[in-house]
Amino acid sequence: MSLSEPHSAGELAELAEQLADAADQAHGEDVAALPEDALRRLVSTAAQLYATANAAAAEDIAPLEPGVSTTDAVVMACALLKARDLNPFDLALWFSRPRTAA
């Protein structure tokens, strides 16, 4: 499977599994040495994939596996809010919006 060609959902799922396996095997210093641009691209792509799939689903898709700690989830949530200059009030507005599935 070439990374330069378009991918089906199944192929993306396979690539996600491979990436998760590689990340599980990485050591702490290896992860810390990951270039910021690469990490930013990874998180941006994951956010876009999640938003697209979640919008098309009949109900919200759980975004995290059970093994992700609360601390890790909150660190990511805070970083995402700060990246788009949002605050807890803005987040409260999103929590109160009705669910609209495709």
PDB file of N, CA and C in Angstrom:
ATOM      1  N   MET A   1       0.850  -1.169   0.000  1.00  0.00           N
ATOM      2  CA  MET A   1       0.000   0.000   0.000  1.00  0.00           C
ATOM      3  C   MET A   1       0.896   1.233   0.000  1.00  0.00           C
ATOM      4  N   SER A   2       0.743   2.056  -1.011  1.00  0.00           N
ATOM      5  CA  SER A   2       1.555   3.269  -1.148  1.00  0.00           C
ATOM      6  C   SER A   2       0.897   4.418  -0.383  1.00  0.00           C
ATOM      7  N   LEU A   3       1.707   5.172   0.332  1.00  0.00           N
ATOM      8  CA  LEU A   3       1.151   6.295   1.099  1.00  0.00           C
ATOM      9  C   LEU A   3       0.772   7.475   0.217  1.00  0.00           C
ATOM     10  N   SER A   4       1.214   7.476  -1.048  1.00  0.00           N
ATOM     11  CA  SER A   4       0.902   8.590  -1.932  1.00  0.00           C
ATOM     12  C   SER A   4      -0.439   8.412  -2.645  1.00  0.00           C
ATOM     13  N   GLU A   5      -1.046   7.223  -2.548  1.00  0.00           N
ATOM     14  CA  GLU A   5      -2.323   6.961  -3.204  1.00  0.00           C
ATOM     15  C   GLU A   5      -3.470   7.192  -2.216  1.00  0.00           C
ATOM     16  N   PRO A   6      -4.686   7.469  -2.744  1.00  0.00           N
ATOM     17  CA  PRO A   6      -5.850   7.590  -1.856  1.00  0.00           C
ATOM     18  C   PRO A   6      -6.104   6.269  -1.119  1.00  0.00           C
ATOM     19  N   HIS A   7      -6.627   6.355   0.083  1.00  0.00           N
ATOM     20  CA  HIS A   7      -6.855   5.171   0.903  1.00  0.00           C
ATOM     21  C   HIS A   7      -8.328   5.001   1.236  1.00  0.00           C
ATOM     22  N   SER A   8      -8.752   3.756   1.308  1.00  0.00           N
ATOM     23  CA  SER A   8     -10.099   3.434   1.745  1.00  0.00           C
ATOM     24  C   SER A   8     -10.141   3.484   3.270  1.00  0.00           C
ATOM     25  N   ALA A   9     -11.355   3.415   3.815  1.00  0.00           N
ATOM     26  CA  ALA A   9     -11.497   3.409   5.272  1.00  0.00           C
ATOM     27  C   ALA A   9     -10.776   2.218   5.879  1.00  0.00           C
ATOM     28  N   GLY A  10     -10.841   1.074   5.219  1.00  0.00           N
ATOM     29  CA  GLY A  10     -10.149  -0.114   5.726  1.00  0.00           C
ATOM     30  C   GLY A  10      -8.647   0.069   5.753  1.00  0.00           C
ATOM     31  N   GLU A  11      -8.111   0.685   4.710  1.00  0.00           N
ATOM     32  CA  GLU A  11      -6.672   0.929   4.658  1.00  0.00           C
ATOM     33  C   GLU A  11      -6.254   1.940   5.722  1.00  0.00           C
ATOM     34  N   LEU A  12      -7.071   2.965   5.938  1.00  0.00           N
ATOM     35  CA  LEU A  12      -6.761   3.937   6.994  1.00  0.00           C
ATOM     36  C   LEU A  12      -6.776   3.262   8.363  1.00  0.00           C
ATOM     37  N   ALA A  13      -7.732   2.355   8.569  1.00  0.00           N
ATOM     38  CA  ALA A  13      -7.796   1.632   9.840  1.00  0.00           C
ATOM     39  C   ALA A  13      -6.544   0.786  10.038  1.00  0.00           C
ATOM     40  N   GLU A  14      -6.071   0.150   8.970  1.00  0.00           N
ATOM     41  CA  GLU A  14      -4.852  -0.659   9.049  1.00  0.00           C
ATOM     42  C   GLU A  14      -3.639   0.219   9.370  1.00  0.00           C
ATOM     43  N   LEU A  15      -3.544   1.367   8.719  1.00  0.00           N
ATOM     44  CA  LEU A  15      -2.442   2.289   8.997  1.00  0.00           C
ATOM     45  C   LEU A  15      -2.506   2.801  10.434  1.00  0.00           C
ATOM     46  N   ALA A  16      -3.703   3.074  10.926  1.00  0.00           N
ATOM     47  CA  ALA A  16      -3.859   3.536  12.312  1.00  0.00           C
ATOM     48  C   ALA A  16      -3.379   2.458  13.283  1.00  0.00           C
ATOM     49  N   GLU A  17      -3.694   1.197  13.002  1.00  0.00           N
ATOM     50  CA  GLU A  17      -3.229   0.094  13.848  1.00  0.00           C
ATOM     51  C   GLU A  17      -1.707   0.011  13.843  1.00  0.00           C
ATOM     52  N   GLN A  18      -1.111   0.153  12.663  1.00  0.00           N
ATOM     53  CA  GLN A  18       0.345   0.097  12.560  1.00  0.00           C
ATOM     54  C   GLN A  18       0.986   1.240  13.338  1.00  0.00           C
ATOM     55  N   LEU A  19       0.410   2.434  13.230  1.00  0.00           N
ATOM     56  CA  LEU A  19       0.941   3.588  13.961  1.00  0.00           C
ATOM     57  C   LEU A  19       0.797   3.381  15.466  1.00  0.00           C
ATOM     58  N   ALA A  20      -0.357   2.890  15.905  1.00  0.00           N
ATOM     59  CA  ALA A  20      -0.561   2.640  17.334  1.00  0.00           C
ATOM     60  C   ALA A  20       0.422   1.604  17.856  1.00  0.00           C
ATOM     61  N   ASP A  21       0.653   0.544  17.080  1.00  0.00           N
ATOM     62  CA  ASP A  21       1.622  -0.480  17.487  1.00  0.00           C
ATOM     63  C   ASP A  21       3.027   0.114  17.608  1.00  0.00           C
ATOM     64  N   ALA A  22       3.406   0.934  16.624  1.00  0.00           N
ATOM     65  CA  ALA A  22       4.730   1.563  16.654  1.00  0.00           C
ATOM     66  C   ALA A  22       4.855   2.490  17.864  1.00  0.00           C
ATOM     67  N   ALA A  23       3.814   3.240  18.155  1.00  0.00           N
ATOM     68  CA  ALA A  23       3.844   4.155  19.304  1.00  0.00           C
ATOM     69  C   ALA A  23       3.929   3.379  20.615  1.00  0.00           C
ATOM     70  N   ASP A  24       3.221   2.246  20.696  1.00  0.00           N
ATOM     71  CA  ASP A  24       3.276   1.416  21.907  1.00  0.00           C
ATOM     72  C   ASP A  24       4.684   0.880  22.155  1.00  0.00           C
ATOM     73  N   GLN A  25       5.426   0.624  21.084  1.00  0.00           N
ATOM     74  CA  GLN A  25       6.769   0.060  21.204  1.00  0.00           C
ATOM     75  C   GLN A  25       7.846   1.126  21.410  1.00  0.00           C
ATOM     76  N   ALA A  26       7.507   2.383  21.182  1.00  0.00           N
ATOM     77  CA  ALA A  26       8.498   3.462  21.310  1.00  0.00           C
ATOM     78  C   ALA A  26       8.831   3.698  22.781  1.00  0.00           C
ATOM     79  N   HIS A  27      10.033   4.137  22.998  1.00  0.00           N
ATOM     80  CA  HIS A  27      10.471   4.497  24.349  1.00  0.00           C
ATOM     81  C   HIS A  27      10.168   5.973  24.577  1.00  0.00           C
ATOM     82  N   GLY A  28      10.080   6.388  25.821  1.00  0.00           N
ATOM     83  CA  GLY A  28       9.762   7.767  26.172  1.00  0.00           C
ATOM     84  C   GLY A  28      10.625   8.796  25.482  1.00  0.00           C
ATOM     85  N   GLU A  29      11.937   8.557  25.428  1.00  0.00           N
ATOM     86  CA  GLU A  29      12.824   9.536  24.804  1.00  0.00           C
ATOM     87  C   GLU A  29      12.585   9.601  23.295  1.00  0.00           C
ATOM     88  N   ASP A  30      12.195   8.480  22.687  1.00  0.00           N
ATOM     89  CA  ASP A  30      11.894   8.480  21.254  1.00  0.00           C
ATOM     90  C   ASP A  30      10.669   9.343  20.962  1.00  0.00           C
ATOM     91  N   VAL A  31       9.657   9.227  21.798  1.00  0.00           N
ATOM     92  CA  VAL A  31       8.434  10.009  21.618  1.00  0.00           C
ATOM     93  C   VAL A  31       8.725  11.487  21.852  1.00  0.00           C
ATOM     94  N   ALA A  32       9.503  11.797  22.870  1.00  0.00           N
ATOM     95  CA  ALA A  32       9.839  13.191  23.169  1.00  0.00           C
ATOM     96  C   ALA A  32      10.642  13.828  22.037  1.00  0.00           C
ATOM     97  N   ALA A  33      11.362  13.017  21.270  1.00  0.00           N
ATOM     98  CA  ALA A  33      12.171  13.529  20.168  1.00  0.00           C
ATOM     99  C   ALA A  33      11.377  13.676  18.870  1.00  0.00           C
ATOM    100  N   LEU A  34      10.110  13.290  18.892  1.00  0.00           N
ATOM    101  CA  LEU A  34       9.273  13.418  17.696  1.00  0.00           C
ATOM    102  C   LEU A  34       9.178  14.892  17.313  1.00  0.00           C
ATOM    103  N   PRO A  35       9.480  15.238  16.066  1.00  0.00           N
ATOM    104  CA  PRO A  35       9.420  16.647  15.661  1.00  0.00           C
ATOM    105  C   PRO A  35       8.014  17.229  15.857  1.00  0.00           C
ATOM    106  N   GLU A  36       7.966  18.469  16.319  1.00  0.00           N
ATOM    107  CA  GLU A  36       6.674  19.123  16.571  1.00  0.00           C
ATOM    108  C   GLU A  36       5.784  19.121  15.337  1.00  0.00           C
ATOM    109  N   ASP A  37       6.363  19.352  14.168  1.00  0.00           N
ATOM    110  CA  ASP A  37       5.566  19.371  12.939  1.00  0.00           C
ATOM    111  C   ASP A  37       4.906  18.023  12.679  1.00  0.00           C
ATOM    112  N   ALA A  38       5.621  16.941  12.933  1.00  0.00           N
ATOM    113  CA  ALA A  38       5.069  15.603  12.721  1.00  0.00           C
ATOM    114  C   ALA A  38       3.940  15.331  13.711  1.00  0.00           C
ATOM    115  N   LEU A  39       4.140  15.701  14.965  1.00  0.00           N
ATOM    116  CA  LEU A  39       3.110  15.508  15.979  1.00  0.00           C
ATOM    117  C   LEU A  39       1.878  16.361  15.659  1.00  0.00           C
ATOM    118  N   ARG A  40       2.115  17.609  15.258  1.00  0.00           N
ATOM    119  CA  ARG A  40       1.014  18.512  14.898  1.00  0.00           C
ATOM    120  C   ARG A  40       0.207  17.935  13.732  1.00  0.00           C
ATOM    121  N   ARG A  41       0.900  17.400  12.729  1.00  0.00           N
ATOM    122  CA  ARG A  41       0.227  16.808  11.567  1.00  0.00           C
ATOM    123  C   ARG A  41      -0.599  15.596  11.983  1.00  0.00           C
ATOM    124  N   LEU A  42      -0.041  14.777  12.867  1.00  0.00           N
ATOM    125  CA  LEU A  42      -0.738  13.590  13.351  1.00  0.00           C
ATOM    126  C   LEU A  42      -2.019  13.959  14.111  1.00  0.00           C
ATOM    127  N   VAL A  43      -1.911  14.893  15.035  1.00  0.00           N
ATOM    128  CA  VAL A  43      -3.075  15.305  15.828  1.00  0.00           C
ATOM    129  C   VAL A  43      -4.110  16.000  14.943  1.00  0.00           C
ATOM    130  N   SER A  44      -3.659  16.837  14.028  1.00  0.00           N
ATOM    131  CA  SER A  44      -4.581  17.532  13.119  1.00  0.00           C
ATOM    132  C   SER A  44      -5.358  16.547  12.258  1.00  0.00           C
ATOM    133  N   THR A  45      -4.647  15.567  11.709  1.00  0.00           N
ATOM    134  CA  THR A  45      -5.300  14.564  10.866  1.00  0.00           C
ATOM    135  C   THR A  45      -6.279  13.731  11.681  1.00  0.00           C
ATOM    136  N   ALA A  46      -5.880  13.333  12.886  1.00  0.00           N
ATOM    137  CA  ALA A  46      -6.772  12.553  13.742  1.00  0.00           C
ATOM    138  C   ALA A  46      -8.031  13.355  14.084  1.00  0.00           C
ATOM    139  N   ALA A  47      -7.879  14.640  14.371  1.00  0.00           N
ATOM    140  CA  ALA A  47      -9.033  15.487  14.692  1.00  0.00           C
ATOM    141  C   ALA A  47      -9.976  15.595  13.501  1.00  0.00           C
ATOM    142  N   GLN A  48      -9.423  15.770  12.311  1.00  0.00           N
ATOM    143  CA  GLN A  48     -10.257  15.880  11.113  1.00  0.00           C
ATOM    144  C   GLN A  48     -10.969  14.564  10.809  1.00  0.00           C
ATOM    145  N   LEU A  49     -10.265  13.445  10.920  1.00  0.00           N
ATOM    146  CA  LEU A  49     -10.889  12.147  10.699  1.00  0.00           C
ATOM    147  C   LEU A  49     -12.005  11.899  11.701  1.00  0.00           C
ATOM    148  N   TYR A  50     -11.737  12.189  12.970  1.00  0.00           N
ATOM    149  CA  TYR A  50     -12.741  11.981  14.012  1.00  0.00           C
ATOM    150  C   TYR A  50     -13.976  12.849  13.764  1.00  0.00           C
ATOM    151  N   ALA A  51     -13.778  14.120  13.492  1.00  0.00           N
ATOM    152  CA  ALA A  51     -14.905  15.033  13.285  1.00  0.00           C
ATOM    153  C   ALA A  51     -15.762  14.594  12.106  1.00  0.00           C
ATOM    154  N   THR A  52     -15.123  14.175  11.022  1.00  0.00           N
ATOM    155  CA  THR A  52     -15.861  13.724   9.839  1.00  0.00           C
ATOM    156  C   THR A  52     -16.668  12.462  10.139  1.00  0.00           C
ATOM    157  N   ALA A  53     -16.013  11.470  10.750  1.00  0.00           N
ATOM    158  CA  ALA A  53     -16.694  10.214  11.063  1.00  0.00           C
ATOM    159  C   ALA A  53     -17.791  10.422  12.095  1.00  0.00           C
ATOM    160  N   ASN A  54     -17.532  11.239  13.105  1.00  0.00           N
ATOM    161  CA  ASN A  54     -18.521  11.474  14.158  1.00  0.00           C
ATOM    162  C   ASN A  54     -19.746  12.197  13.617  1.00  0.00           C
ATOM    163  N   ALA A  55     -19.539  13.152  12.721  1.00  0.00           N
ATOM    164  CA  ALA A  55     -20.661  13.883  12.140  1.00  0.00           C
ATOM    165  C   ALA A  55     -21.556  12.962  11.316  1.00  0.00           C
ATOM    166  N   ALA A  56     -20.982  11.944  10.705  1.00  0.00           N
ATOM    167  CA  ALA A  56     -21.746  11.028   9.860  1.00  0.00           C
ATOM    168  C   ALA A  56     -22.394   9.893  10.654  1.00  0.00           C
ATOM    169  N   ALA A  57     -21.983   9.708  11.902  1.00  0.00           N
ATOM    170  CA  ALA A  57     -22.492   8.601  12.715  1.00  0.00           C
ATOM    171  C   ALA A  57     -23.848   8.942  13.326  1.00  0.00           C
ATOM    172  N   ALA A  58     -24.600   7.910  13.638  1.00  0.00           N
ATOM    173  CA  ALA A  58     -25.922   8.098  14.240  1.00  0.00           C
ATOM    174  C   ALA A  58     -25.820   8.624  15.672  1.00  0.00           C
ATOM    175  N   GLU A  59     -24.750   8.294  16.350  1.00  0.00           N
ATOM    176  CA  GLU A  59     -24.517   8.807  17.708  1.00  0.00           C
ATOM    177  C   GLU A  59     -23.034   9.050  17.889  1.00  0.00           C
ATOM    178  N   ASP A  60     -22.679   9.803  18.935  1.00  0.00           N
ATOM    179  CA  ASP A  60     -21.276  10.154  19.158  1.00  0.00           C
ATOM    180  C   ASP A  60     -20.399   8.904  19.247  1.00  0.00           C
ATOM    181  N   ILE A  61     -19.234   8.990  18.652  1.00  0.00           N
ATOM    182  CA  ILE A  61     -18.242   7.921  18.688  1.00  0.00           C
ATOM    183  C   ILE A  61     -17.290   8.205  19.845  1.00  0.00           C
ATOM    184  N   ALA A  62     -17.040   7.216  20.667  1.00  0.00           N
ATOM    185  CA  ALA A  62     -16.078   7.384  21.760  1.00  0.00           C
ATOM    186  C   ALA A  62     -14.705   7.648  21.138  1.00  0.00           C
ATOM    187  N   PRO A  63     -14.073   8.779  21.464  1.00  0.00           N
ATOM    188  CA  PRO A  63     -12.825   9.144  20.791  1.00  0.00           C
ATOM    189  C   PRO A  63     -11.576   8.472  21.347  1.00  0.00           C
ATOM    190  N   LEU A  64     -11.651   7.907  22.541  1.00  0.00           N
ATOM    191  CA  LEU A  64     -10.456   7.358  23.186  1.00  0.00           C
ATOM    192  C   LEU A  64     -10.671   5.920  23.609  1.00  0.00           C
ATOM    193  N   GLU A  65      -9.585   5.171  23.602  1.00  0.00           N
ATOM    194  CA  GLU A  65      -9.605   3.822  24.149  1.00  0.00           C
ATOM    195  C   GLU A  65      -9.594   3.923  25.673  1.00  0.00           C
ATOM    196  N   PRO A  66     -10.113   2.903  26.361  1.00  0.00           N
ATOM    197  CA  PRO A  66     -10.173   2.949  27.834  1.00  0.00           C
ATOM    198  C   PRO A  66      -8.816   3.151  28.508  1.00  0.00           C
ATOM    199  N   GLY A  67      -7.723   2.741  27.875  1.00  0.00           N
ATOM    200  CA  GLY A  67      -6.403   2.847  28.490  1.00  0.00           C
ATOM    201  C   GLY A  67      -5.817   4.246  28.526  1.00  0.00           C
ATOM    202  N   VAL A  68      -6.443   5.209  27.845  1.00  0.00           N
ATOM    203  CA  VAL A  68      -5.936   6.592  27.874  1.00  0.00           C
ATOM    204  C   VAL A  68      -6.317   7.208  29.211  1.00  0.00           C
ATOM    205  N   SER A  69      -5.321   7.721  29.924  1.00  0.00           N
ATOM    206  CA  SER A  69      -5.585   8.262  31.264  1.00  0.00           C
ATOM    207  C   SER A  69      -6.391   9.560  31.195  1.00  0.00           C
ATOM    208  N   THR A  70      -7.054   9.853  32.285  1.00  0.00           N
ATOM    209  CA  THR A  70      -7.794  11.105  32.395  1.00  0.00           C
ATOM    210  C   THR A  70      -6.851  12.290  32.208  1.00  0.00           C
ATOM    211  N   THR A  71      -5.662  12.205  32.800  1.00  0.00           N
ATOM    212  CA  THR A  71      -4.684  13.278  32.660  1.00  0.00           C
ATOM    213  C   THR A  71      -4.316  13.499  31.201  1.00  0.00           C
ATOM    214  N   ASP A  72      -4.031  12.415  30.479  1.00  0.00           N
ATOM    215  CA  ASP A  72      -3.687  12.545  29.064  1.00  0.00           C
ATOM    216  C   ASP A  72      -4.834  13.157  28.266  1.00  0.00           C
ATOM    217  N   ALA A  73      -6.058  12.753  28.571  1.00  0.00           N
ATOM    218  CA  ALA A  73      -7.225  13.291  27.863  1.00  0.00           C
ATOM    219  C   ALA A  73      -7.383  14.788  28.132  1.00  0.00           C
ATOM    220  N   VAL A  74      -7.199  15.206  29.377  1.00  0.00           N
ATOM    221  CA  VAL A  74      -7.347  16.615  29.725  1.00  0.00           C
ATOM    222  C   VAL A  74      -6.212  17.449  29.139  1.00  0.00           C
ATOM    223  N   VAL A  75      -5.001  16.918  29.139  1.00  0.00           N
ATOM    224  CA  VAL A  75      -3.875  17.633  28.526  1.00  0.00           C
ATOM    225  C   VAL A  75      -4.188  17.890  27.055  1.00  0.00           C
ATOM    226  N   MET A  76      -4.683  16.874  26.347  1.00  0.00           N
ATOM    227  CA  MET A  76      -5.020  17.034  24.932  1.00  0.00           C
ATOM    228  C   MET A  76      -6.188  18.012  24.761  1.00  0.00           C
ATOM    229  N   ALA A  77      -7.217  17.878  25.575  1.00  0.00           N
ATOM    230  CA  ALA A  77      -8.371  18.775  25.465  1.00  0.00           C
ATOM    231  C   ALA A  77      -7.955  20.240  25.677  1.00  0.00           C
ATOM    232  N   CYS A  78      -7.135  20.487  26.677  1.00  0.00           N
ATOM    233  CA  CYS A  78      -6.668  21.857  26.935  1.00  0.00           C
ATOM    234  C   CYS A  78      -5.831  22.375  25.773  1.00  0.00           C
ATOM    235  N   ALA A  79      -4.963  21.532  25.228  1.00  0.00           N
ATOM    236  CA  ALA A  79      -4.126  21.951  24.101  1.00  0.00           C
ATOM    237  C   ALA A  79      -4.993  22.284  22.884  1.00  0.00           C
ATOM    238  N   LEU A  80      -6.029  21.486  22.643  1.00  0.00           N
ATOM    239  CA  LEU A  80      -6.913  21.749  21.507  1.00  0.00           C
ATOM    240  C   LEU A  80      -7.672  23.060  21.695  1.00  0.00           C
ATOM    241  N   LEU A  81      -8.160  23.303  22.903  1.00  0.00           N
ATOM    242  CA  LEU A  81      -8.868  24.559  23.170  1.00  0.00           C
ATOM    243  C   LEU A  81      -7.939  25.759  22.977  1.00  0.00           C
ATOM    244  N   LYS A  82      -6.742  25.671  23.533  1.00  0.00           N
ATOM    245  CA  LYS A  82      -5.787  26.771  23.401  1.00  0.00           C
ATOM    246  C   LYS A  82      -5.380  26.997  21.946  1.00  0.00           C
ATOM    247  N   ALA A  83      -5.267  25.913  21.180  1.00  0.00           N
ATOM    248  CA  ALA A  83      -4.847  26.025  19.781  1.00  0.00           C
ATOM    249  C   ALA A  83      -5.835  26.821  18.941  1.00  0.00           C
ATOM    250  N   ARG A  84      -7.082  26.844  19.366  1.00  0.00           N
ATOM    251  CA  ARG A  84      -8.105  27.585  18.627  1.00  0.00           C
ATOM    252  C   ARG A  84      -8.648  28.764  19.430  1.00  0.00           C
ATOM    253  N   ASP A  85      -7.889  29.179  20.445  1.00  0.00           N
ATOM    254  CA  ASP A  85      -8.230  30.334  21.276  1.00  0.00           C
ATOM    255  C   ASP A  85      -9.647  30.223  21.841  1.00  0.00           C
ATOM    256  N   LEU A  86      -9.961  29.037  22.350  1.00  0.00           N
ATOM    257  CA  LEU A  86     -11.261  28.799  22.980  1.00  0.00           C
ATOM    258  C   LEU A  86     -11.082  28.741  24.487  1.00  0.00           C
ATOM    259  N   ASN A  87     -12.177  28.931  25.196  1.00  0.00           N
ATOM    260  CA  ASN A  87     -12.135  28.880  26.653  1.00  0.00           C
ATOM    261  C   ASN A  87     -13.244  27.951  27.148  1.00  0.00           C
ATOM    262  N   PRO A  88     -13.292  27.692  28.455  1.00  0.00           N
ATOM    263  CA  PRO A  88     -14.324  26.786  28.974  1.00  0.00           C
ATOM    264  C   PRO A  88     -15.759  27.231  28.644  1.00  0.00           C
ATOM    265  N   PHE A  89     -16.015  28.527  28.560  1.00  0.00           N
ATOM    266  CA  PHE A  89     -17.352  28.997  28.200  1.00  0.00           C
ATOM    267  C   PHE A  89     -17.694  28.559  26.776  1.00  0.00           C
ATOM    268  N   ASP A  90     -16.746  28.729  25.850  1.00  0.00           N
ATOM    269  CA  ASP A  90     -16.967  28.277  24.474  1.00  0.00           C
ATOM    270  C   ASP A  90     -17.264  26.782  24.445  1.00  0.00           C
ATOM    271  N   LEU A  91     -16.531  26.045  25.232  1.00  0.00           N
ATOM    272  CA  LEU A  91     -16.730  24.605  25.300  1.00  0.00           C
ATOM    273  C   LEU A  91     -18.124  24.273  25.841  1.00  0.00           C
ATOM    274  N   ALA A  92     -18.588  25.016  26.820  1.00  0.00           N
ATOM    275  CA  ALA A  92     -19.933  24.795  27.373  1.00  0.00           C
ATOM    276  C   ALA A  92     -21.005  24.995  26.300  1.00  0.00           C
ATOM    277  N   LEU A  93     -20.804  25.948  25.414  1.00  0.00           N
ATOM    278  CA  LEU A  93     -21.759  26.157  24.325  1.00  0.00           C
ATOM    279  C   LEU A  93     -21.817  24.931  23.417  1.00  0.00           C
ATOM    280  N   TRP A  94     -20.666  24.341  23.130  1.00  0.00           N
ATOM    281  CA  TRP A  94     -20.631  23.137  22.290  1.00  0.00           C
ATOM    282  C   TRP A  94     -21.289  21.962  22.995  1.00  0.00           C
ATOM    283  N   PHE A  95     -21.112  21.853  24.291  1.00  0.00           N
ATOM    284  CA  PHE A  95     -21.741  20.756  25.049  1.00  0.00           C
ATOM    285  C   PHE A  95     -23.263  20.854  24.999  1.00  0.00           C
ATOM    286  N   SER A  96     -23.805  22.076  24.919  1.00  0.00           N
ATOM    287  CA  SER A  96     -25.255  22.254  24.942  1.00  0.00           C
ATOM    288  C   SER A  96     -25.898  22.167  23.562  1.00  0.00           C
ATOM    289  N   ARG A  97     -25.100  22.066  22.518  1.00  0.00           N
ATOM    290  CA  ARG A  97     -25.671  22.002  21.168  1.00  0.00           C
ATOM    291  C   ARG A  97     -26.352  20.653  20.957  1.00  0.00           C
ATOM    292  N   PRO A  98     -27.425  20.667  20.156  1.00  0.00           N
ATOM    293  CA  PRO A  98     -28.090  19.381  19.885  1.00  0.00           C
ATOM    294  C   PRO A  98     -27.248  18.512  18.962  1.00  0.00           C
ATOM    295  N   ARG A  99     -27.398  17.231  19.096  1.00  0.00           N
ATOM    296  CA  ARG A  99     -26.679  16.255  18.252  1.00  0.00           C
ATOM    297  C   ARG A  99     -27.368  16.214  16.897  1.00  0.00           C
ATOM    298  N   THR A 100     -26.607  16.443  15.835  1.00  0.00           N
ATOM    299  CA  THR A 100     -27.163  16.364  14.484  1.00  0.00           C
ATOM    300  C   THR A 100     -26.355  15.358  13.693  1.00  0.00           C
ATOM    301  N   ALA A 101     -26.952  14.223  13.419  1.00  0.00           N
ATOM    302  CA  ALA A 101     -26.277  13.182  12.635  1.00  0.00           C
ATOM    303  C   ALA A 101     -26.653  13.306  11.183  1.00  0.00           C
ATOM    304  N   ALA A 102     -25.770  12.848  10.325  1.00  0.00           N
ATOM    305  CA  ALA A 102     -26.025  12.896   8.880  1.00  0.00           C
ATOM    306  C   ALA A 102     -27.091  11.904   8.486  1.00  0.00           C
TER     307      ALA A 102
END
